Amino acid sequence: MLAVGAGLCAWWLNRDLAMDAAAVDLSIDPGTSVRGVAQAVQAAGVDVDPTLLYWWFRLSGQARQIKAGSYELERGATPLSLLRKLVRGEEALRVLTMVEGWNFAQLRAAMARAEHLKPDSQGLSGAVIMAQLGRPELHPEGRFYPDSYTYAKGSSDLALLKRAMRAMDHRLEAAWSQRSAETPLKSADEALVLASIVEKETGRAADRALIAGVFVNRLRIGMPLQTDPTVIYGLGESFDGNLRKRDLLRDTPWNTYTRGGLPPTPIAMPGKAAMLATVQPAPTKALYFVARGDGSSQFSSSLEEHNRAVNKYQRPP
């Protein structure tokens, strides 16, 4: 009889669990009892006796190792593999990639599209979001580090933003600690603002430090930055994809043609390379650069030289 009982037990432990769908979502809240976990498995759509499952968890000796989290159970799962998943904490994770150069509006749109990410920030203003993240004094633009972040199904988008914000704090602090002694930038926040411009202006990675060098040179001599991405950012939703001369003359806090110095906030999320280039710009006498049309830039140290480059690379033949 013992052999028969052991055989039946082994058969049940390795028997596929019947499910309502090809995959079901199981959420276990912190502090859930072992019996509650067994009941949650059944409630999720698994056709199993929760009492049997409860005793399996208890008799395994691993019941106390079951971890809270968000899990995905697929057909083919058995009581044995289920417990293994719960003990290991193998949550059902998704990935959201925040792209270098995105602005806050683009980031929010990506979060809204993200699968199984709880939209707790939906309908909130940027100021309210930053207050909920514990940074009410900061503008949200550029404050989140562009990277790929994993999250459990049902996670809050605010929790994801907090992780990205802390990552940016760390990366910015690390970059600022490596700044050149000759930098005209007065703070890490100023470095973040300029790095966001460098990020948007860089078409080829090899040019990044030189582009930073141009802007640093302009700041040193009090020359306007005169960079199109800041103008476009200031235009907001009114920008139709075609930057005109009248746009360059339209004053906004971010128009670096009409206003000197740095704009009041970043204009995008800079990556690590842009931040390092900003605090360690390439030594150059260049004050100008123009896109060659192949992703690279032509650098010039005088306006006359720059005008020739513009005629060569930007004017139609």
Protein backbone atom coordinates (compact mmCIF):
# COMPACT_ATOMS: atom_id res chain seq x y z
CA MET A 1 0.00 0.00 0.00
CA LEU A 2 2.87 2.37 0.78
CA ALA A 3 4.31 1.72 -2.65
CA VAL A 4 0.94 2.40 -4.24
CA GLY A 5 0.58 5.62 -2.24
CA ALA A 6 4.05 6.78 -3.18
CA GLY A 7 3.35 5.99 -6.81
CA LEU A 8 0.10 7.95 -6.78
CA CYS A 9 1.86 10.87 -5.11
CA ALA A 10 4.63 10.86 -7.72
CA TRP A 11 2.02 10.60 -10.50
CA TRP A 12 0.09 13.60 -9.16
CA LEU A 13 3.21 15.72 -8.63
CA ASN A 14 4.29 15.21 -12.24
CA ARG A 15 0.80 15.42 -13.77
CA ASP A 16 0.02 18.45 -15.93
CA LEU A 17 -2.22 20.93 -14.19
CA ALA A 18 -5.44 21.62 -16.11
CA MET A 19 -5.87 25.31 -16.95
CA ASP A 20 -8.60 27.54 -18.31
CA ALA A 21 -6.22 28.99 -20.92
CA ALA A 22 -2.82 28.39 -22.50
CA ALA A 23 -1.35 30.62 -19.79
CA VAL A 24 -2.81 32.11 -16.62
CA ASP A 25 -1.59 34.95 -14.43
CA LEU A 26 -0.97 34.28 -10.76
CA SER A 27 -0.44 37.13 -8.32
CA ILE A 28 0.77 36.43 -4.79
CA ASP A 29 0.73 39.37 -2.41
CA PRO A 30 3.35 39.73 0.33
CA GLY A 31 2.24 38.04 3.52
CA THR A 32 -0.08 35.55 1.81
CA SER A 33 -0.39 32.31 3.80
CA VAL A 34 0.51 28.95 2.30
CA ARG A 35 -3.17 28.05 2.16
CA GLY A 36 -3.86 31.41 0.53
CA VAL A 37 -1.24 30.68 -2.14
CA ALA A 38 -2.92 27.35 -2.95
CA GLN A 39 -6.30 29.07 -3.17
CA ALA A 40 -4.83 31.82 -5.39
CA VAL A 41 -3.56 29.18 -7.82
CA GLN A 42 -7.07 27.77 -8.18
CA ALA A 43 -8.62 31.26 -8.44
CA ALA A 44 -6.18 32.14 -11.23
CA GLY A 45 -7.73 29.49 -13.45
CA VAL A 46 -5.91 26.27 -12.55
CA ASP A 47 -8.19 23.25 -12.08
CA VAL A 48 -6.61 21.88 -8.91
CA ASP A 49 -7.81 20.98 -5.44
CA PRO A 50 -6.33 23.77 -3.25
CA THR A 51 -6.27 21.44 -0.23
CA LEU A 52 -4.06 18.93 -2.06
CA LEU A 53 -1.85 21.76 -3.25
CA TYR A 54 -1.63 23.18 0.26
CA TRP A 55 -0.48 19.86 1.72
CA TRP A 56 2.03 19.43 -1.08
CA PHE A 57 3.53 22.81 -0.26
CA ARG A 58 3.63 21.96 3.45
CA LEU A 59 5.05 18.43 3.10
CA SER A 60 7.72 19.59 0.64
CA GLY A 61 9.43 21.51 3.42
CA GLN A 62 9.66 24.57 1.11
CA ALA A 63 6.40 26.32 1.94
CA ARG A 64 8.10 29.16 3.79
CA GLN A 65 10.36 29.80 0.78
CA ILE A 66 7.47 30.67 -1.55
CA LYS A 67 7.96 34.23 -2.76
CA ALA A 68 5.38 36.89 -3.42
CA GLY A 69 5.21 38.18 -6.97
CA SER A 70 3.51 38.11 -10.34
CA TYR A 71 3.78 34.77 -12.13
CA GLU A 72 2.70 33.31 -15.44
CA LEU A 73 1.70 29.63 -15.44
CA GLU A 74 1.70 27.86 -18.80
CA ARG A 75 0.16 24.59 -19.87
CA GLY A 76 2.49 21.76 -19.04
CA ALA A 77 3.11 23.04 -15.53
CA THR A 78 2.91 20.40 -12.80
CA PRO A 79 2.56 20.70 -9.02
CA LEU A 80 6.29 19.97 -8.86
CA SER A 81 7.32 22.67 -11.37
CA LEU A 82 4.80 25.11 -9.87
CA LEU A 83 6.42 24.94 -6.44
CA ARG A 84 9.87 25.23 -8.00
CA LYS A 85 8.80 28.41 -9.80
CA LEU A 86 7.30 29.94 -6.65
CA VAL A 87 10.31 29.10 -4.50
CA ARG A 88 12.77 30.50 -7.05
CA GLY A 89 10.65 33.60 -7.52
CA GLU A 90 10.58 33.17 -11.30
CA GLU A 91 8.20 36.02 -11.95
CA ALA A 92 6.66 36.80 -15.32
CA LEU A 93 8.80 39.74 -16.39
CA ARG A 94 8.35 42.19 -19.22
CA VAL A 95 10.88 44.68 -20.59
CA LEU A 96 10.51 48.38 -21.33
CA THR A 97 13.35 50.06 -23.20
CA MET A 98 13.77 53.79 -22.66
CA VAL A 99 15.66 55.12 -25.67
CA GLU A 100 18.46 57.68 -25.54
CA GLY A 101 17.20 60.98 -26.90
CA TRP A 102 13.55 60.42 -26.02
CA ASN A 103 11.76 63.29 -24.35
CA PHE A 104 9.35 62.84 -21.45
CA ALA A 105 6.29 62.79 -23.71
CA GLN A 106 7.78 59.95 -25.75
CA LEU A 107 8.64 58.06 -22.57
CA ARG A 108 5.08 58.39 -21.28
CA ALA A 109 3.70 57.19 -24.62
CA ALA A 110 5.96 54.12 -24.46
CA MET A 111 4.82 53.35 -20.92
CA ALA A 112 1.18 53.66 -21.99
CA ARG A 113 1.83 51.04 -24.69
CA ALA A 114 3.82 48.72 -22.42
CA GLU A 115 2.25 45.33 -21.83
CA HIS A 116 0.89 44.68 -18.34
CA LEU A 117 2.33 47.90 -16.87
CA LYS A 118 -0.14 49.49 -14.46
CA PRO A 119 -0.82 53.07 -15.68
CA ASP A 120 -0.81 54.83 -12.31
CA SER A 121 0.66 57.99 -13.88
CA GLN A 122 -2.04 58.25 -16.53
CA GLY A 123 -3.73 61.63 -16.41
CA LEU A 124 -1.18 63.08 -14.01
CA SER A 125 0.84 66.17 -14.92
CA GLY A 126 4.61 66.03 -15.00
CA ALA A 127 4.75 68.09 -11.81
CA VAL A 128 2.43 65.72 -9.96
CA ILE A 129 4.42 62.71 -11.17
CA MET A 130 7.65 64.20 -9.85
CA ALA A 131 5.97 64.98 -6.54
CA GLN A 132 4.85 61.36 -6.25
CA LEU A 133 8.43 60.29 -7.01
CA GLY A 134 9.66 62.48 -4.15
CA ARG A 135 11.23 65.18 -6.36
CA PRO A 136 8.65 67.99 -6.50
CA GLU A 137 11.37 70.57 -7.17
CA LEU A 138 12.46 68.97 -10.44
CA HIS A 139 11.12 69.19 -13.97
CA PRO A 140 10.67 65.63 -15.32
CA GLU A 141 12.49 66.19 -18.60
CA GLY A 142 15.76 64.28 -18.83
CA ARG A 143 15.53 62.90 -15.30
CA PHE A 144 15.19 59.24 -16.27
CA TYR A 145 18.10 57.11 -17.42
CA PRO A 146 17.60 55.51 -20.85
CA ASP A 147 18.04 51.75 -20.49
CA SER A 148 16.08 48.49 -20.64
CA TYR A 149 14.09 47.80 -17.47
CA THR A 150 12.38 44.55 -16.53
CA TYR A 151 9.18 44.63 -14.53
CA ALA A 152 6.67 42.14 -13.20
CA LYS A 153 3.22 42.01 -14.75
CA GLY A 154 0.96 44.46 -12.97
CA SER A 155 3.81 46.66 -11.77
CA SER A 156 3.15 50.38 -11.43
CA ASP A 157 4.62 52.68 -14.05
CA LEU A 158 5.49 55.04 -11.19
CA ALA A 159 7.69 52.33 -9.66
CA LEU A 160 9.44 51.93 -13.02
CA LEU A 161 9.97 55.69 -13.28
CA LYS A 162 11.44 55.77 -9.79
CA ARG A 163 13.98 53.11 -10.78
CA ALA A 164 14.92 55.05 -13.91
CA MET A 165 15.17 58.27 -11.93
CA ARG A 166 17.51 56.71 -9.39
CA ALA A 167 19.58 55.24 -12.21
CA MET A 168 19.93 58.72 -13.73
CA ASP A 169 20.93 60.14 -10.33
CA HIS A 170 23.70 57.55 -10.11
CA ARG A 171 24.90 57.95 -13.70
CA LEU A 172 24.87 61.73 -13.54
CA GLU A 173 26.77 61.78 -10.26
CA ALA A 174 29.35 59.38 -11.70
CA ALA A 175 29.80 61.52 -14.83
CA TRP A 176 30.02 64.79 -12.87
CA SER A 177 32.74 63.33 -10.66
CA GLN A 178 34.83 62.84 -13.82
CA ARG A 179 34.40 66.39 -15.12
CA SER A 180 37.28 68.31 -16.62
CA ALA A 181 38.80 70.96 -14.37
CA GLU A 182 38.27 73.51 -17.18
CA THR A 183 34.54 72.96 -17.62
CA PRO A 184 32.42 76.13 -17.58
CA LEU A 185 29.50 74.08 -16.25
CA LYS A 186 28.65 74.98 -12.67
CA SER A 187 26.69 71.91 -11.57
CA ALA A 188 25.66 68.39 -12.43
CA ASP A 189 22.25 69.74 -13.43
CA GLU A 190 23.86 72.04 -15.99
CA ALA A 191 25.81 69.06 -17.29
CA LEU A 192 22.54 67.14 -17.68
CA VAL A 193 20.99 69.97 -19.67
CA LEU A 194 23.95 70.24 -22.03
CA ALA A 195 24.25 66.44 -22.33
CA SER A 196 20.65 66.30 -23.54
CA ILE A 197 21.53 68.75 -26.31
CA VAL A 198 24.66 66.78 -27.22
CA GLU A 199 22.51 63.63 -27.35
CA LYS A 200 20.07 65.21 -29.81
CA GLU A 201 22.78 66.78 -31.98
CA THR A 202 24.94 63.67 -32.37
CA GLY A 203 24.48 61.76 -35.59
CA ARG A 204 27.65 59.70 -35.30
CA ALA A 205 29.11 58.51 -32.01
CA ALA A 206 32.65 59.49 -33.03
CA ASP A 207 31.57 63.16 -33.23
CA ARG A 208 29.94 63.31 -29.79
CA ALA A 209 32.91 64.69 -27.82
CA LEU A 210 33.66 67.28 -30.54
CA ILE A 211 30.05 68.46 -30.55
CA ALA A 212 30.27 68.83 -26.78
CA GLY A 213 33.51 70.76 -27.31
CA VAL A 214 31.78 73.22 -29.62
CA PHE A 215 29.04 73.96 -27.10
CA VAL A 216 31.51 74.26 -24.23
CA ASN A 217 33.56 76.73 -26.30
CA ARG A 218 30.45 78.79 -26.94
CA LEU A 219 29.52 78.85 -23.27
CA ARG A 220 33.05 80.00 -22.37
CA ILE A 221 32.89 83.06 -24.61
CA GLY A 222 29.21 83.86 -24.02
CA MET A 223 28.17 82.90 -27.53
CA PRO A 224 24.57 81.65 -27.96
CA LEU A 225 24.36 77.91 -28.36
CA GLN A 226 22.07 78.27 -31.39
CA THR A 227 21.06 74.64 -31.54
CA ASP A 228 17.95 73.56 -33.45
CA PRO A 229 16.83 70.72 -31.13
CA THR A 230 16.21 73.21 -28.31
CA VAL A 231 14.06 75.34 -30.61
CA ILE A 232 12.08 72.28 -31.68
CA TYR A 233 11.58 71.29 -28.05
CA GLY A 234 10.30 74.76 -27.22
CA LEU A 235 7.82 74.64 -30.09
CA GLY A 236 6.26 71.52 -28.60
CA GLU A 237 3.28 70.08 -30.43
CA SER A 238 3.18 73.05 -32.82
CA PHE A 239 6.34 71.77 -34.54
CA ASP A 240 5.28 70.17 -37.83
CA GLY A 241 8.60 68.56 -38.75
CA ASN A 242 9.86 71.49 -40.82
CA LEU A 243 11.97 74.05 -38.95
CA ARG A 244 11.61 77.49 -40.52
CA LYS A 245 13.40 80.80 -40.02
CA ARG A 246 10.38 82.21 -38.21
CA ASP A 247 10.64 79.32 -35.75
CA LEU A 248 14.23 80.30 -34.96
CA LEU A 249 13.00 83.80 -34.14
CA ARG A 250 10.06 82.66 -32.03
CA ASP A 251 11.13 83.17 -28.43
CA THR A 252 10.60 80.41 -25.90
CA PRO A 253 12.61 79.57 -22.77
CA TRP A 254 14.32 76.83 -24.82
CA ASN A 255 15.18 78.93 -27.89
CA THR A 256 18.97 79.13 -27.81
CA TYR A 257 18.94 81.54 -30.76
CA THR A 258 16.97 84.20 -28.88
CA ARG A 259 18.38 83.46 -25.40
CA GLY A 260 21.92 83.02 -24.15
CA GLY A 261 23.31 80.26 -22.02
CA LEU A 262 21.69 76.93 -21.29
CA PRO A 263 17.94 76.33 -21.53
CA PRO A 264 16.07 75.91 -18.22
CA THR A 265 15.68 72.14 -18.46
CA PRO A 266 17.05 69.21 -20.42
CA ILE A 267 15.30 68.53 -23.71
CA ALA A 268 15.63 64.74 -23.70
CA MET A 269 17.13 61.76 -21.87
CA PRO A 270 20.90 61.67 -22.44
CA GLY A 271 22.78 58.40 -22.28
CA LYS A 272 26.04 57.66 -20.49
CA ALA A 273 28.20 58.52 -23.53
CA ALA A 274 26.58 61.94 -23.97
CA MET A 275 27.04 62.77 -20.30
CA LEU A 276 30.69 61.74 -20.32
CA ALA A 277 31.34 63.69 -23.53
CA THR A 278 29.76 66.77 -21.98
CA VAL A 279 31.98 66.73 -18.89
CA GLN A 280 35.05 65.61 -20.86
CA PRO A 281 34.69 67.37 -24.23
CA ALA A 282 37.30 66.92 -26.94
CA PRO A 283 39.85 69.73 -27.08
CA THR A 284 38.94 71.78 -30.14
CA LYS A 285 38.91 75.37 -31.37
CA ALA A 286 35.71 74.74 -33.32
CA LEU A 287 32.72 77.00 -32.70
CA TYR A 288 30.49 75.62 -35.43
CA PHE A 289 29.42 72.33 -36.95
CA VAL A 290 27.09 71.30 -39.73
CA ALA A 291 25.67 67.92 -40.73
CA ARG A 292 27.30 66.41 -43.78
CA GLY A 293 24.22 64.38 -44.64
CA ASP A 294 25.76 60.99 -43.84
CA GLY A 295 25.37 61.20 -40.07
CA SER A 296 28.74 62.88 -39.52
CA SER A 297 29.46 66.57 -38.92
CA GLN A 298 31.86 69.13 -40.38
CA PHE A 299 33.52 71.31 -37.72
CA SER A 300 34.73 74.88 -38.24
CA SER A 301 36.55 77.40 -36.07
CA SER A 302 35.40 80.53 -37.95
CA LEU A 303 32.09 81.76 -39.32
CA GLU A 304 33.59 82.12 -42.80
CA GLU A 305 34.74 78.51 -42.75
CA HIS A 306 31.37 77.41 -41.40
CA ASN A 307 29.47 79.24 -44.16
CA ARG A 308 31.55 77.43 -46.76
CA ALA A 309 30.70 74.12 -45.09
CA VAL A 310 27.00 75.01 -45.04
CA ASN A 311 27.10 75.85 -48.75
CA LYS A 312 28.86 72.57 -49.46
CA TYR A 313 26.74 70.22 -47.37
CA GLN A 314 23.38 71.95 -46.92
CA ARG A 315 22.68 74.08 -49.99
CA PRO A 316 21.18 72.35 -52.98
CA PRO A 317 23.49 72.30 -56.04
